[in-house]
Amino acid sequence: MSTLQRSSLPDDTARDAIADRLVALKARADLGPDDEATRERFRTQLDHLTADPGARYLTAPGLGAVLARVDTARGVLSVIALIPDAAADATAWRTALRDAGAAEGCRAVDLEVVAGDDLALALQRPEDEVRATNMLRTLPAPATDVRAVTLTPMDDDAYERWRAADIDAYAAELVAAGAVSAEEAVAEAEKSLQTYLPDGRDTPGAHLWSAIEPESGTVVGMVWVDIDAAAAFVYAVEVDESERRRGYGRAIMVAAADESHHRGAMQIGLNVFGPNVGARALYDSLGYRVTRQLIAIAC
């Protein structure tokens, strides 16, 4: 069985090849364009990574190479890119990655599984922990017989209530997904929200809507969608606790897709943290497909 050995970090030529591979994989899964601007962005990220003391470039005859980063705080070896030999065996790769993680004192290997990446897909096993799942669907959405809701922009009071609750909820999701420690979670959630909503509900491209039941005028939930040209992304969707199990989750998602398409979006994506079976079932039924998963392979 081949063992991954630590090698010198990749030079400029090798980093260019890795960037090309990452861009091609993500483009094949509809996760980004295959263009020079995207390649340059990946090259810059790889340049920064190789300056990180936790960066590792591991190679093995018959397997290939892996660029990864050791996160000692979380006890995780995070795989950035797999560069397999033509005849590389998935079982051998899985064993080698687990051994490499254990040798670094890690409890798990984090691996991004992108649709169309045959090796990464073959590495995944039912016992692996699913940390996050990206899903995507094309627009317009087909007609669906669902309970209707009306989406209207949040007012200031509704936004502030949602913001406080979202930070707490996102912090809990980060901890549950193993992304950060409990001590870091709230600060990380606040930082994330500030990054995506620097101007609050007035941030360009951000649409934060309250979902209203038309007949009664009752607010039954909310949805936050970011629309950038032809692509939309659902950052948050919630149904008020007293209104759950009444079809409003599906109704809000359908309304959000319709509003996004009316504003020019041709596809809409979202992220599911952890093994959220209920959310996955809803999104599957609405025609979303998995484009990417972040899994944890125990060492």
C-alpha atoms as a PDB file:
ATOM      1  CA  MET A   1       0.000   0.000   0.000  1.00  0.00           C
ATOM      2  CA  SER A   2       1.424   3.402  -1.017  1.00  0.00           C
ATOM      3  CA  THR A   3       2.085   5.959   1.709  1.00  0.00           C
ATOM      4  CA  LEU A   4       1.848   9.684   1.141  1.00  0.00           C
ATOM      5  CA  GLN A   5       5.157  11.379   1.922  1.00  0.00           C
ATOM      6  CA  ARG A   6       5.738  15.051   2.563  1.00  0.00           C
ATOM      7  CA  SER A   7       7.384  16.781  -0.400  1.00  0.00           C
ATOM      8  CA  SER A   8       8.454  20.292  -1.301  1.00  0.00           C
ATOM      9  CA  LEU A   9       5.532  22.639  -1.842  1.00  0.00           C
ATOM     10  CA  PRO A  10       4.509  22.998  -5.497  1.00  0.00           C
ATOM     11  CA  ASP A  11       6.316  25.569  -7.607  1.00  0.00           C
ATOM     12  CA  ASP A  12       4.620  28.142  -9.845  1.00  0.00           C
ATOM     13  CA  THR A  13       4.136  25.696 -12.712  1.00  0.00           C
ATOM     14  CA  ALA A  14       2.608  23.053 -10.467  1.00  0.00           C
ATOM     15  CA  ARG A  15       0.333  25.618  -8.788  1.00  0.00           C
ATOM     16  CA  ASP A  16      -0.888  26.708 -12.228  1.00  0.00           C
ATOM     17  CA  ALA A  17      -1.736  23.085 -13.049  1.00  0.00           C
ATOM     18  CA  ILE A  18      -3.585  22.684  -9.745  1.00  0.00           C
ATOM     19  CA  ALA A  19      -5.534  25.897 -10.343  1.00  0.00           C
ATOM     20  CA  ASP A  20      -6.499  24.677 -13.823  1.00  0.00           C
ATOM     21  CA  ARG A  21      -7.760  21.388 -12.382  1.00  0.00           C
ATOM     22  CA  LEU A  22      -9.803  23.085  -9.646  1.00  0.00           C
ATOM     23  CA  VAL A  23     -11.372  25.552 -12.082  1.00  0.00           C
ATOM     24  CA  ALA A  24     -12.287  22.784 -14.537  1.00  0.00           C
ATOM     25  CA  LEU A  25     -13.857  20.616 -11.817  1.00  0.00           C
ATOM     26  CA  LYS A  26     -15.961  23.455 -10.418  1.00  0.00           C
ATOM     27  CA  ALA A  27     -17.054  24.610 -13.866  1.00  0.00           C
ATOM     28  CA  ARG A  28     -18.171  21.067 -14.713  1.00  0.00           C
ATOM     29  CA  ALA A  29     -20.356  21.119 -11.586  1.00  0.00           C
ATOM     30  CA  ASP A  30     -21.754  24.609 -12.382  1.00  0.00           C
ATOM     31  CA  LEU A  31     -19.922  26.058  -9.389  1.00  0.00           C
ATOM     32  CA  GLY A  32     -18.159  28.787 -11.329  1.00  0.00           C
ATOM     33  CA  PRO A  33     -16.959  29.885 -14.774  1.00  0.00           C
ATOM     34  CA  ASP A  34     -14.006  28.337 -16.595  1.00  0.00           C
ATOM     35  CA  ASP A  35     -12.174  31.549 -17.427  1.00  0.00           C
ATOM     36  CA  GLU A  36      -8.861  33.281 -16.840  1.00  0.00           C
ATOM     37  CA  ALA A  37     -10.180  35.533 -14.059  1.00  0.00           C
ATOM     38  CA  THR A  38     -11.258  32.482 -12.066  1.00  0.00           C
ATOM     39  CA  ARG A  39      -7.899  30.780 -12.683  1.00  0.00           C
ATOM     40  CA  GLU A  40      -6.081  33.872 -11.437  1.00  0.00           C
ATOM     41  CA  ARG A  41      -8.223  33.918  -8.293  1.00  0.00           C
ATOM     42  CA  PHE A  42      -7.375  30.285  -7.576  1.00  0.00           C
ATOM     43  CA  ARG A  43      -3.678  30.899  -8.249  1.00  0.00           C
ATOM     44  CA  THR A  44      -3.703  33.748  -5.733  1.00  0.00           C
ATOM     45  CA  GLN A  45      -5.397  31.528  -3.140  1.00  0.00           C
ATOM     46  CA  LEU A  46      -2.793  28.807  -3.747  1.00  0.00           C
ATOM     47  CA  ASP A  47       0.026  31.343  -3.391  1.00  0.00           C
ATOM     48  CA  HIS A  48      -1.350  32.374   0.001  1.00  0.00           C
ATOM     49  CA  LEU A  49      -1.836  28.738   1.030  1.00  0.00           C
ATOM     50  CA  THR A  50       1.736  27.730   0.289  1.00  0.00           C
ATOM     51  CA  ALA A  51       2.909  30.521   2.594  1.00  0.00           C
ATOM     52  CA  ASP A  52       0.860  28.966   5.429  1.00  0.00           C
ATOM     53  CA  PRO A  53       2.961  26.899   7.891  1.00  0.00           C
ATOM     54  CA  GLY A  54       0.155  24.331   7.890  1.00  0.00           C
ATOM     55  CA  ALA A  55       0.412  23.729   4.131  1.00  0.00           C
ATOM     56  CA  ARG A  56       1.360  20.214   3.074  1.00  0.00           C
ATOM     57  CA  TYR A  57       2.200  18.715  -0.326  1.00  0.00           C
ATOM     58  CA  LEU A  58       2.109  14.947  -0.105  1.00  0.00           C
ATOM     59  CA  THR A  59       3.034  12.515  -2.867  1.00  0.00           C
ATOM     60  CA  ALA A  60       3.080   8.760  -3.384  1.00  0.00           C
ATOM     61  CA  PRO A  61       4.047   6.607  -6.405  1.00  0.00           C
ATOM     62  CA  GLY A  62       0.962   5.095  -8.001  1.00  0.00           C
ATOM     63  CA  LEU A  63      -1.355   7.537  -6.245  1.00  0.00           C
ATOM     64  CA  GLY A  64      -0.310  11.044  -7.205  1.00  0.00           C
ATOM     65  CA  ALA A  65      -0.244  14.123  -5.005  1.00  0.00           C
ATOM     66  CA  VAL A  66      -2.434  16.020  -2.581  1.00  0.00           C
ATOM     67  CA  LEU A  67      -2.232  19.649  -1.524  1.00  0.00           C
ATOM     68  CA  ALA A  68      -3.666  20.074   1.960  1.00  0.00           C
ATOM     69  CA  ARG A  69      -3.602  22.196   5.084  1.00  0.00           C
ATOM     70  CA  VAL A  70      -3.280  21.051   8.688  1.00  0.00           C
ATOM     71  CA  ASP A  71      -5.747  22.853  10.968  1.00  0.00           C
ATOM     72  CA  THR A  72      -4.331  22.060  14.389  1.00  0.00           C
ATOM     73  CA  ALA A  73      -7.061  23.957  16.247  1.00  0.00           C
ATOM     74  CA  ARG A  74      -9.754  21.694  14.785  1.00  0.00           C
ATOM     75  CA  GLY A  75      -7.608  18.599  14.421  1.00  0.00           C
ATOM     76  CA  VAL A  76      -8.349  18.362  10.701  1.00  0.00           C
ATOM     77  CA  LEU A  77      -6.318  17.792   7.547  1.00  0.00           C
ATOM     78  CA  SER A  78      -8.194  19.822   4.916  1.00  0.00           C
ATOM     79  CA  VAL A  79      -7.658  18.644   1.351  1.00  0.00           C
ATOM     80  CA  ILE A  80      -7.316  21.530  -1.106  1.00  0.00           C
ATOM     81  CA  ALA A  81      -6.660  19.501  -4.248  1.00  0.00           C
ATOM     82  CA  LEU A  82      -6.177  15.877  -5.246  1.00  0.00           C
ATOM     83  CA  ILE A  83      -3.894  15.300  -8.250  1.00  0.00           C
ATOM     84  CA  PRO A  84      -4.271  11.569  -8.975  1.00  0.00           C
ATOM     85  CA  ASP A  85      -2.184   9.385 -11.237  1.00  0.00           C
ATOM     86  CA  ALA A  86      -4.141   7.938 -14.133  1.00  0.00           C
ATOM     87  CA  ALA A  87      -4.592   4.491 -12.551  1.00  0.00           C
ATOM     88  CA  ALA A  88      -4.993   5.665  -8.940  1.00  0.00           C
ATOM     89  CA  ASP A  89      -7.182   3.404  -6.775  1.00  0.00           C
ATOM     90  CA  ALA A  90      -9.847   5.029  -4.588  1.00  0.00           C
ATOM     91  CA  THR A  91      -9.449   2.525  -1.747  1.00  0.00           C
ATOM     92  CA  ALA A  92      -5.687   3.092  -1.671  1.00  0.00           C
ATOM     93  CA  TRP A  93      -6.224   6.861  -1.754  1.00  0.00           C
ATOM     94  CA  ARG A  94      -8.683   6.730   1.134  1.00  0.00           C
ATOM     95  CA  THR A  95      -6.312   4.689   3.272  1.00  0.00           C
ATOM     96  CA  ALA A  96      -3.389   6.963   2.426  1.00  0.00           C
ATOM     97  CA  LEU A  97      -5.347  10.102   3.312  1.00  0.00           C
ATOM     98  CA  ARG A  98      -6.474   8.665   6.642  1.00  0.00           C
ATOM     99  CA  ASP A  99      -2.902   7.633   7.451  1.00  0.00           C
ATOM    100  CA  ALA A 100      -1.591  11.088   6.485  1.00  0.00           C
ATOM    101  CA  GLY A 101      -4.145  12.757   8.729  1.00  0.00           C
ATOM    102  CA  ALA A 102      -3.318  10.475  11.643  1.00  0.00           C
ATOM    103  CA  ALA A 103       0.402  11.152  11.180  1.00  0.00           C
ATOM    104  CA  GLU A 104      -0.327  14.875  11.603  1.00  0.00           C
ATOM    105  CA  GLY A 105      -2.291  14.195  14.804  1.00  0.00           C
ATOM    106  CA  CYS A 106      -5.621  14.932  13.110  1.00  0.00           C
ATOM    107  CA  ARG A 107      -8.929  13.266  13.930  1.00  0.00           C
ATOM    108  CA  ALA A 108     -10.385  13.686  10.432  1.00  0.00           C
ATOM    109  CA  VAL A 109      -9.635  14.499   6.812  1.00  0.00           C
ATOM    110  CA  ASP A 110     -11.929  17.137   5.290  1.00  0.00           C
ATOM    111  CA  LEU A 111     -12.569  16.506   1.603  1.00  0.00           C
ATOM    112  CA  GLU A 112     -14.564  18.492  -0.947  1.00  0.00           C
ATOM    113  CA  VAL A 113     -16.552  16.161  -3.192  1.00  0.00           C
ATOM    114  CA  VAL A 114     -17.540  17.991  -6.377  1.00  0.00           C
ATOM    115  CA  ALA A 115     -20.011  16.529  -8.856  1.00  0.00           C
ATOM    116  CA  GLY A 116     -18.013  15.112 -11.752  1.00  0.00           C
ATOM    117  CA  ASP A 117     -14.846  14.471  -9.714  1.00  0.00           C
ATOM    118  CA  ASP A 118     -14.727  10.690 -10.118  1.00  0.00           C
ATOM    119  CA  LEU A 119     -11.948  10.095  -7.586  1.00  0.00           C
ATOM    120  CA  ALA A 120     -13.495  12.194  -4.819  1.00  0.00           C
ATOM    121  CA  LEU A 121     -16.897  10.599  -5.416  1.00  0.00           C
ATOM    122  CA  ALA A 122     -15.317   7.139  -5.183  1.00  0.00           C
ATOM    123  CA  LEU A 123     -13.600   8.087  -1.924  1.00  0.00           C
ATOM    124  CA  GLN A 124     -16.895   8.883  -0.187  1.00  0.00           C
ATOM    125  CA  ARG A 125     -18.445   6.261   2.089  1.00  0.00           C
ATOM    126  CA  PRO A 126     -21.818   6.113   3.902  1.00  0.00           C
ATOM    127  CA  GLU A 127     -20.092   6.353   7.279  1.00  0.00           C
ATOM    128  CA  ASP A 128     -18.413   9.676   6.443  1.00  0.00           C
ATOM    129  CA  GLU A 129     -19.745  12.759   8.183  1.00  0.00           C
ATOM    130  CA  VAL A 130     -21.396  15.244   5.822  1.00  0.00           C
ATOM    131  CA  ARG A 131     -20.455  18.734   6.971  1.00  0.00           C
ATOM    132  CA  ALA A 132     -22.152  20.712   4.187  1.00  0.00           C
ATOM    133  CA  THR A 133     -23.950  20.201   0.879  1.00  0.00           C
ATOM    134  CA  ASN A 134     -24.249  22.700  -1.975  1.00  0.00           C
ATOM    135  CA  MET A 135     -27.283  22.316  -4.238  1.00  0.00           C
ATOM    136  CA  LEU A 136     -28.369  24.035  -7.447  1.00  0.00           C
ATOM    137  CA  ARG A 137     -31.374  24.204  -9.752  1.00  0.00           C
ATOM    138  CA  THR A 138     -32.066  25.932 -13.027  1.00  0.00           C
ATOM    139  CA  LEU A 139     -34.720  28.604 -13.501  1.00  0.00           C
ATOM    140  CA  PRO A 140     -37.488  29.179 -14.294  1.00  0.00           C
ATOM    141  CA  ALA A 141     -38.923  26.655 -11.889  1.00  0.00           C
ATOM    142  CA  PRO A 142     -41.751  24.476 -13.210  1.00  0.00           C
ATOM    143  CA  ALA A 143     -45.239  25.269 -11.952  1.00  0.00           C
ATOM    144  CA  THR A 144     -45.807  23.778  -8.511  1.00  0.00           C
ATOM    145  CA  ASP A 145     -49.038  23.385  -6.592  1.00  0.00           C
ATOM    146  CA  VAL A 146     -48.049  24.879  -3.246  1.00  0.00           C
ATOM    147  CA  ARG A 147     -49.555  27.118  -0.624  1.00  0.00           C
ATOM    148  CA  ALA A 148     -48.899  30.676  -1.800  1.00  0.00           C
ATOM    149  CA  VAL A 149     -47.003  33.306   0.176  1.00  0.00           C
ATOM    150  CA  THR A 150     -46.178  36.894  -0.663  1.00  0.00           C
ATOM    151  CA  LEU A 151     -42.619  38.134  -0.253  1.00  0.00           C
ATOM    152  CA  THR A 152     -42.121  41.721   0.919  1.00  0.00           C
ATOM    153  CA  PRO A 153     -38.909  43.525   1.960  1.00  0.00           C
ATOM    154  CA  MET A 154     -38.148  43.298   5.693  1.00  0.00           C
ATOM    155  CA  ASP A 155     -38.580  46.457   7.738  1.00  0.00           C
ATOM    156  CA  ASP A 156     -35.892  47.578  10.212  1.00  0.00           C
ATOM    157  CA  ASP A 157     -37.433  45.886  13.257  1.00  0.00           C
ATOM    158  CA  ALA A 158     -37.885  42.570  11.454  1.00  0.00           C
ATOM    159  CA  TYR A 159     -34.321  42.728  10.153  1.00  0.00           C
ATOM    160  CA  GLU A 160     -32.767  43.368  13.572  1.00  0.00           C
ATOM    161  CA  ARG A 161     -34.761  40.524  15.158  1.00  0.00           C
ATOM    162  CA  TRP A 162     -33.750  38.183  12.379  1.00  0.00           C
ATOM    163  CA  ARG A 163     -30.094  39.270  12.503  1.00  0.00           C
ATOM    164  CA  ALA A 164     -29.733  38.471  16.206  1.00  0.00           C
ATOM    165  CA  ALA A 165     -31.464  35.116  15.817  1.00  0.00           C
ATOM    166  CA  ASP A 166     -29.472  34.237  12.686  1.00  0.00           C
ATOM    167  CA  ILE A 167     -26.119  34.828  14.385  1.00  0.00           C
ATOM    168  CA  ASP A 168     -27.089  32.445  17.194  1.00  0.00           C
ATOM    169  CA  ALA A 169     -28.452  29.849  14.777  1.00  0.00           C
ATOM    170  CA  TYR A 170     -25.476  30.027  12.396  1.00  0.00           C
ATOM    171  CA  ALA A 171     -23.044  29.740  15.307  1.00  0.00           C
ATOM    172  CA  ALA A 172     -24.837  26.566  16.417  1.00  0.00           C
ATOM    173  CA  GLU A 173     -24.695  25.181  12.856  1.00  0.00           C
ATOM    174  CA  LEU A 174     -20.959  25.859  12.623  1.00  0.00           C
ATOM    175  CA  VAL A 175     -20.346  23.977  15.866  1.00  0.00           C
ATOM    176  CA  ALA A 176     -22.598  21.078  14.848  1.00  0.00           C
ATOM    177  CA  ALA A 177     -20.869  20.820  11.469  1.00  0.00           C
ATOM    178  CA  GLY A 178     -17.452  20.746  13.155  1.00  0.00           C
ATOM    179  CA  ALA A 179     -16.342  23.900  11.378  1.00  0.00           C
ATOM    180  CA  VAL A 180     -15.220  25.820  14.497  1.00  0.00           C
ATOM    181  CA  SER A 181     -15.134  25.471  18.263  1.00  0.00           C
ATOM    182  CA  ALA A 182     -18.000  26.701  20.451  1.00  0.00           C
ATOM    183  CA  GLU A 183     -15.789  29.546  21.689  1.00  0.00           C
ATOM    184  CA  GLU A 184     -15.168  30.803  18.145  1.00  0.00           C
ATOM    185  CA  ALA A 185     -18.628  30.235  16.714  1.00  0.00           C
ATOM    186  CA  VAL A 186     -20.447  33.483  17.594  1.00  0.00           C
ATOM    187  CA  ALA A 187     -17.559  35.691  16.475  1.00  0.00           C
ATOM    188  CA  GLU A 188     -17.295  33.694  13.242  1.00  0.00           C
ATOM    189  CA  ALA A 189     -21.053  34.007  12.639  1.00  0.00           C
ATOM    190  CA  GLU A 190     -20.959  37.775  13.203  1.00  0.00           C
ATOM    191  CA  LYS A 191     -17.958  38.099  10.890  1.00  0.00           C
ATOM    192  CA  SER A 192     -19.686  36.047   8.185  1.00  0.00           C
ATOM    193  CA  LEU A 193     -22.867  38.100   8.316  1.00  0.00           C
ATOM    194  CA  GLN A 194     -20.885  41.338   8.157  1.00  0.00           C
ATOM    195  CA  THR A 195     -18.996  40.013   5.128  1.00  0.00           C
ATOM    196  CA  TYR A 196     -22.156  39.150   3.206  1.00  0.00           C
ATOM    197  CA  LEU A 197     -24.314  42.034   4.467  1.00  0.00           C
ATOM    198  CA  PRO A 198     -21.897  44.951   5.014  1.00  0.00           C
ATOM    199  CA  ASP A 199     -24.748  47.439   4.579  1.00  0.00           C
ATOM    200  CA  GLY A 200     -27.367  45.323   6.310  1.00  0.00           C
ATOM    201  CA  ARG A 201     -30.596  44.919   4.390  1.00  0.00           C
ATOM    202  CA  ASP A 202     -29.472  47.705   2.028  1.00  0.00           C
ATOM    203  CA  THR A 203     -26.495  45.671   0.759  1.00  0.00           C
ATOM    204  CA  PRO A 204     -26.510  45.674  -3.071  1.00  0.00           C
ATOM    205  CA  GLY A 205     -27.784  42.386  -4.493  1.00  0.00           C
ATOM    206  CA  ALA A 206     -29.170  41.211  -1.140  1.00  0.00           C
ATOM    207  CA  HIS A 207     -32.905  40.630  -0.880  1.00  0.00           C
ATOM    208  CA  LEU A 208     -34.255  39.999   2.612  1.00  0.00           C
ATOM    209  CA  TRP A 209     -37.939  39.271   2.432  1.00  0.00           C
ATOM    210  CA  SER A 210     -40.616  38.571   5.000  1.00  0.00           C
ATOM    211  CA  ALA A 211     -42.993  35.833   3.863  1.00  0.00           C
ATOM    212  CA  ILE A 212     -46.642  36.743   4.368  1.00  0.00           C
ATOM    213  CA  GLU A 213     -49.756  34.577   4.177  1.00  0.00           C
ATOM    214  CA  PRO A 214     -51.917  36.656   1.784  1.00  0.00           C
ATOM    215  CA  GLU A 215     -55.351  36.121   3.308  1.00  0.00           C
ATOM    216  CA  SER A 216     -54.511  36.833   6.941  1.00  0.00           C
ATOM    217  CA  GLY A 217     -51.494  39.101   6.443  1.00  0.00           C
ATOM    218  CA  THR A 218     -49.573  36.988   8.973  1.00  0.00           C
ATOM    219  CA  VAL A 219     -45.791  36.881   8.698  1.00  0.00           C
ATOM    220  CA  VAL A 220     -44.981  33.159   8.501  1.00  0.00           C
ATOM    221  CA  GLY A 221     -41.249  33.259   7.794  1.00  0.00           C
ATOM    222  CA  MET A 222     -38.414  34.891   5.873  1.00  0.00           C
ATOM    223  CA  VAL A 223     -35.889  34.287   3.121  1.00  0.00           C
ATOM    224  CA  TRP A 224     -32.597  35.934   2.201  1.00  0.00           C
ATOM    225  CA  VAL A 225     -31.531  35.631  -1.424  1.00  0.00           C
ATOM    226  CA  ASP A 226     -28.497  37.220  -3.056  1.00  0.00           C
ATOM    227  CA  ILE A 227     -28.880  37.872  -6.790  1.00  0.00           C
ATOM    228  CA  ASP A 228     -25.788  38.555  -8.888  1.00  0.00           C
ATOM    229  CA  ALA A 229     -26.574  38.823 -12.602  1.00  0.00           C
ATOM    230  CA  ALA A 230     -27.859  35.402 -13.715  1.00  0.00           C
ATOM    231  CA  ALA A 231     -27.121  33.566 -10.460  1.00  0.00           C
ATOM    232  CA  ALA A 232     -29.066  33.597  -7.195  1.00  0.00           C
ATOM    233  CA  PHE A 233     -28.142  32.032  -3.869  1.00  0.00           C
ATOM    234  CA  VAL A 234     -30.371  31.354  -0.868  1.00  0.00           C
ATOM    235  CA  TYR A 235     -28.436  32.267   2.265  1.00  0.00           C
ATOM    236  CA  ALA A 236     -31.248  31.760   4.757  1.00  0.00           C
ATOM    237  CA  VAL A 237     -34.831  30.528   4.837  1.00  0.00           C
ATOM    238  CA  GLU A 238     -36.951  30.195   7.946  1.00  0.00           C
ATOM    239  CA  VAL A 239     -40.524  29.392   8.903  1.00  0.00           C
ATOM    240  CA  ASP A 240     -41.788  30.794  12.194  1.00  0.00           C
ATOM    241  CA  GLU A 241     -42.017  28.016  14.776  1.00  0.00           C
ATOM    242  CA  SER A 242     -45.789  28.376  15.203  1.00  0.00           C
ATOM    243  CA  GLU A 243     -46.311  28.025  11.436  1.00  0.00           C
ATOM    244  CA  ARG A 244     -44.199  24.927  10.760  1.00  0.00           C
ATOM    245  CA  ARG A 245     -45.447  21.727   9.113  1.00  0.00           C
ATOM    246  CA  ARG A 246     -48.049  23.642   7.151  1.00  0.00           C
ATOM    247  CA  GLY A 247     -46.282  23.801   3.783  1.00  0.00           C
ATOM    248  CA  TYR A 248     -44.793  27.249   4.201  1.00  0.00           C
ATOM    249  CA  GLY A 249     -41.174  26.130   3.749  1.00  0.00           C
ATOM    250  CA  ARG A 250     -41.936  24.847   0.278  1.00  0.00           C
ATOM    251  CA  ALA A 251     -44.050  27.932  -0.493  1.00  0.00           C
ATOM    252  CA  ILE A 252     -41.248  30.314   0.529  1.00  0.00           C
ATOM    253  CA  MET A 253     -38.683  28.458  -1.588  1.00  0.00           C
ATOM    254  CA  VAL A 254     -40.959  28.502  -4.631  1.00  0.00           C
ATOM    255  CA  ALA A 255     -41.681  32.216  -4.182  1.00  0.00           C
ATOM    256  CA  ALA A 256     -37.950  32.968  -3.767  1.00  0.00           C
ATOM    257  CA  ALA A 257     -37.142  31.102  -6.989  1.00  0.00           C
ATOM    258  CA  ASP A 258     -39.867  32.993  -8.848  1.00  0.00           C
ATOM    259  CA  GLU A 259     -38.692  36.380  -7.541  1.00  0.00           C
ATOM    260  CA  SER A 260     -35.088  35.535  -8.452  1.00  0.00           C
ATOM    261  CA  HIS A 261     -36.045  34.570 -11.986  1.00  0.00           C
ATOM    262  CA  HIS A 262     -38.083  37.749 -12.405  1.00  0.00           C
ATOM    263  CA  ARG A 263     -34.903  39.661 -11.508  1.00  0.00           C
ATOM    264  CA  GLY A 264     -32.852  37.882 -14.183  1.00  0.00           C
ATOM    265  CA  ALA A 265     -31.469  34.818 -12.396  1.00  0.00           C
ATOM    266  CA  MET A 266     -31.185  31.634 -14.472  1.00  0.00           C
ATOM    267  CA  GLN A 267     -30.094  29.412 -11.608  1.00  0.00           C
ATOM    268  CA  ILE A 268     -30.457  29.368  -7.840  1.00  0.00           C
ATOM    269  CA  GLY A 269     -28.251  27.631  -5.291  1.00  0.00           C
ATOM    270  CA  LEU A 270     -28.161  26.968  -1.577  1.00  0.00           C
ATOM    271  CA  ASN A 271     -26.149  25.264   1.152  1.00  0.00           C
ATOM    272  CA  VAL A 272     -27.277  22.692   3.704  1.00  0.00           C
ATOM    273  CA  PHE A 273     -25.199  22.293   6.858  1.00  0.00           C
ATOM    274  CA  GLY A 274     -24.695  18.785   8.197  1.00  0.00           C
ATOM    275  CA  PRO A 275     -26.968  15.825   7.489  1.00  0.00           C
ATOM    276  CA  ASN A 276     -30.181  17.874   7.523  1.00  0.00           C
ATOM    277  CA  VAL A 277     -32.450  15.131   6.180  1.00  0.00           C
ATOM    278  CA  GLY A 278     -35.636  17.212   6.236  1.00  0.00           C
ATOM    279  CA  ALA A 279     -34.112  20.119   4.314  1.00  0.00           C
ATOM    280  CA  ARG A 280     -32.464  17.785   1.793  1.00  0.00           C
ATOM    281  CA  ALA A 281     -35.781  16.034   1.146  1.00  0.00           C
ATOM    282  CA  LEU A 282     -37.495  19.381   0.511  1.00  0.00           C
ATOM    283  CA  TYR A 283     -34.815  20.639  -1.860  1.00  0.00           C
ATOM    284  CA  ASP A 284     -34.631  17.309  -3.701  1.00  0.00           C
ATOM    285  CA  SER A 285     -38.391  17.469  -4.260  1.00  0.00           C
ATOM    286  CA  LEU A 286     -38.054  20.996  -5.670  1.00  0.00           C
ATOM    287  CA  GLY A 287     -35.535  19.874  -8.284  1.00  0.00           C
ATOM    288  CA  TYR A 288     -32.253  20.915  -6.661  1.00  0.00           C
ATOM    289  CA  ARG A 289     -29.248  18.706  -7.401  1.00  0.00           C
ATOM    290  CA  VAL A 290     -26.084  18.219  -5.375  1.00  0.00           C
ATOM    291  CA  THR A 291     -23.076  20.025  -6.833  1.00  0.00           C
ATOM    292  CA  ARG A 292     -20.656  19.774  -3.905  1.00  0.00           C
ATOM    293  CA  GLN A 293     -20.328  18.154  -0.498  1.00  0.00           C
ATOM    294  CA  LEU A 294     -17.799  18.717   2.253  1.00  0.00           C
ATOM    295  CA  ILE A 295     -17.236  15.428   4.067  1.00  0.00           C
ATOM    296  CA  ALA A 296     -15.097  14.359   7.012  1.00  0.00           C
ATOM    297  CA  ILE A 297     -13.262  11.041   6.789  1.00  0.00           C
ATOM    298  CA  ALA A 298     -12.327   9.799  10.272  1.00  0.00           C
ATOM    299  CA  CYS A 299      -8.617   9.053  10.690  1.00  0.00           C
END
